[in-house]
């Protein structure tokens, strides 16, 4: 027997999909993070990655990544 996602609304738990559990089946209800909390990382300030220039045919992008001193 698997779990399902539900929403608590107007004092009731509304299941996202119908279930075929027998009447009287005991369940455990645990709140999960709200949608706002789940996307808090989206509100991080933008990261400055410097200026962008279009790559040219002479650029060796793979070589630059492999020679990266950070690795």
C-alpha atoms as a PDB file:
ATOM      1  CA  UNK A   1       0.000   0.000   0.000  1.00  0.00           C
ATOM      2  CA  UNK A   2       1.662   3.218  -1.145  1.00  0.00           C
ATOM      3  CA  UNK A   3       1.232   6.769  -0.004  1.00  0.00           C
ATOM      4  CA  UNK A   4      -0.389   9.627  -1.868  1.00  0.00           C
ATOM      5  CA  UNK A   5      -0.012  13.392  -1.837  1.00  0.00           C
ATOM      6  CA  UNK A   6      -2.783  15.404  -0.238  1.00  0.00           C
ATOM      7  CA  UNK A   7      -3.652  19.016   0.570  1.00  0.00           C
ATOM      8  CA  UNK A   8      -5.159  20.272   3.810  1.00  0.00           C
ATOM      9  CA  UNK A   9      -7.930  22.710   2.884  1.00  0.00           C
ATOM     10  CA  UNK A  10     -10.896  24.018   4.896  1.00  0.00           C
ATOM     11  CA  UNK A  11     -10.230  21.577   7.727  1.00  0.00           C
ATOM     12  CA  UNK A  12     -10.138  18.498   5.476  1.00  0.00           C
ATOM     13  CA  UNK A  13      -7.405  16.408   3.888  1.00  0.00           C
ATOM     14  CA  UNK A  14      -7.996  16.210   0.126  1.00  0.00           C
ATOM     15  CA  UNK A  15      -6.179  13.356  -1.611  1.00  0.00           C
ATOM     16  CA  UNK A  16      -4.664  14.200  -4.999  1.00  0.00           C
ATOM     17  CA  UNK A  17      -5.770  10.869  -6.487  1.00  0.00           C
ATOM     18  CA  UNK A  18      -8.455   8.305  -5.614  1.00  0.00           C
ATOM     19  CA  UNK A  19      -7.306   5.336  -3.508  1.00  0.00           C
ATOM     20  CA  UNK A  20      -8.726   1.842  -3.091  1.00  0.00           C
ATOM     21  CA  UNK A  21      -7.822   1.393   0.575  1.00  0.00           C
ATOM     22  CA  UNK A  22     -10.279  -0.568   2.695  1.00  0.00           C
ATOM     23  CA  UNK A  23     -12.648   1.469   4.856  1.00  0.00           C
ATOM     24  CA  UNK A  24     -11.121   2.023   8.280  1.00  0.00           C
ATOM     25  CA  UNK A  25      -7.515   2.035   7.019  1.00  0.00           C
ATOM     26  CA  UNK A  26      -5.386   4.016   9.458  1.00  0.00           C
ATOM     27  CA  UNK A  27      -3.196   6.699   7.906  1.00  0.00           C
ATOM     28  CA  UNK A  28      -0.453   8.997   9.140  1.00  0.00           C
ATOM     29  CA  UNK A  29      -0.634  12.658   8.115  1.00  0.00           C
ATOM     30  CA  UNK A  30       2.570  14.698   8.329  1.00  0.00           C
ATOM     31  CA  UNK A  31       2.834  18.227   6.937  1.00  0.00           C
ATOM     32  CA  UNK A  32       5.590  18.805   4.392  1.00  0.00           C
ATOM     33  CA  UNK A  33       7.281  22.079   3.493  1.00  0.00           C
ATOM     34  CA  UNK A  34       4.998  24.599   1.909  1.00  0.00           C
ATOM     35  CA  UNK A  35       5.566  25.479  -1.723  1.00  0.00           C
ATOM     36  CA  UNK A  36       7.004  28.816  -0.624  1.00  0.00           C
ATOM     37  CA  UNK A  37       9.613  27.141   1.575  1.00  0.00           C
ATOM     38  CA  UNK A  38      10.453  24.638  -1.151  1.00  0.00           C
ATOM     39  CA  UNK A  39      11.401  27.392  -3.613  1.00  0.00           C
ATOM     40  CA  UNK A  40      13.253  29.706  -1.237  1.00  0.00           C
ATOM     41  CA  UNK A  41      16.513  28.911  -3.014  1.00  0.00           C
ATOM     42  CA  UNK A  42      15.070  30.642  -6.084  1.00  0.00           C
ATOM     43  CA  UNK A  43      15.117  33.920  -4.200  1.00  0.00           C
ATOM     44  CA  UNK A  44      18.886  33.893  -3.747  1.00  0.00           C
ATOM     45  CA  UNK A  45      20.603  37.019  -5.057  1.00  0.00           C
ATOM     46  CA  UNK A  46      21.996  36.737  -8.583  1.00  0.00           C
ATOM     47  CA  UNK A  47      25.582  35.557  -8.935  1.00  0.00           C
ATOM     48  CA  UNK A  48      27.954  37.743 -10.911  1.00  0.00           C
ATOM     49  CA  UNK A  49      29.789  35.467 -13.324  1.00  0.00           C
ATOM     50  CA  UNK A  50      31.562  38.259 -15.168  1.00  0.00           C
ATOM     51  CA  UNK A  51      31.155  39.315 -18.743  1.00  0.00           C
ATOM     52  CA  UNK A  52      30.112  37.023 -21.549  1.00  0.00           C
ATOM     53  CA  UNK A  53      31.704  36.883 -24.957  1.00  0.00           C
ATOM     54  CA  UNK A  54      30.650  34.762 -27.876  1.00  0.00           C
ATOM     55  CA  UNK A  55      32.980  31.792 -28.373  1.00  0.00           C
ATOM     56  CA  UNK A  56      34.922  31.680 -31.618  1.00  0.00           C
ATOM     57  CA  UNK A  57      36.235  28.774 -33.667  1.00  0.00           C
ATOM     58  CA  UNK A  58      39.676  29.307 -32.105  1.00  0.00           C
ATOM     59  CA  UNK A  59      38.371  28.753 -28.549  1.00  0.00           C
ATOM     60  CA  UNK A  60      39.218  25.393 -26.999  1.00  0.00           C
ATOM     61  CA  UNK A  61      36.364  25.256 -24.479  1.00  0.00           C
ATOM     62  CA  UNK A  62      36.924  21.634 -23.516  1.00  0.00           C
ATOM     63  CA  UNK A  63      40.637  22.266 -23.028  1.00  0.00           C
ATOM     64  CA  UNK A  64      39.896  25.281 -20.841  1.00  0.00           C
ATOM     65  CA  UNK A  65      37.556  23.222 -18.663  1.00  0.00           C
ATOM     66  CA  UNK A  66      40.101  20.409 -18.350  1.00  0.00           C
ATOM     67  CA  UNK A  67      42.871  22.867 -17.438  1.00  0.00           C
ATOM     68  CA  UNK A  68      40.740  24.611 -14.817  1.00  0.00           C
ATOM     69  CA  UNK A  69      42.977  25.133 -11.737  1.00  0.00           C
ATOM     70  CA  UNK A  70      39.942  24.796  -9.423  1.00  0.00           C
ATOM     71  CA  UNK A  71      39.822  21.038  -9.982  1.00  0.00           C
END
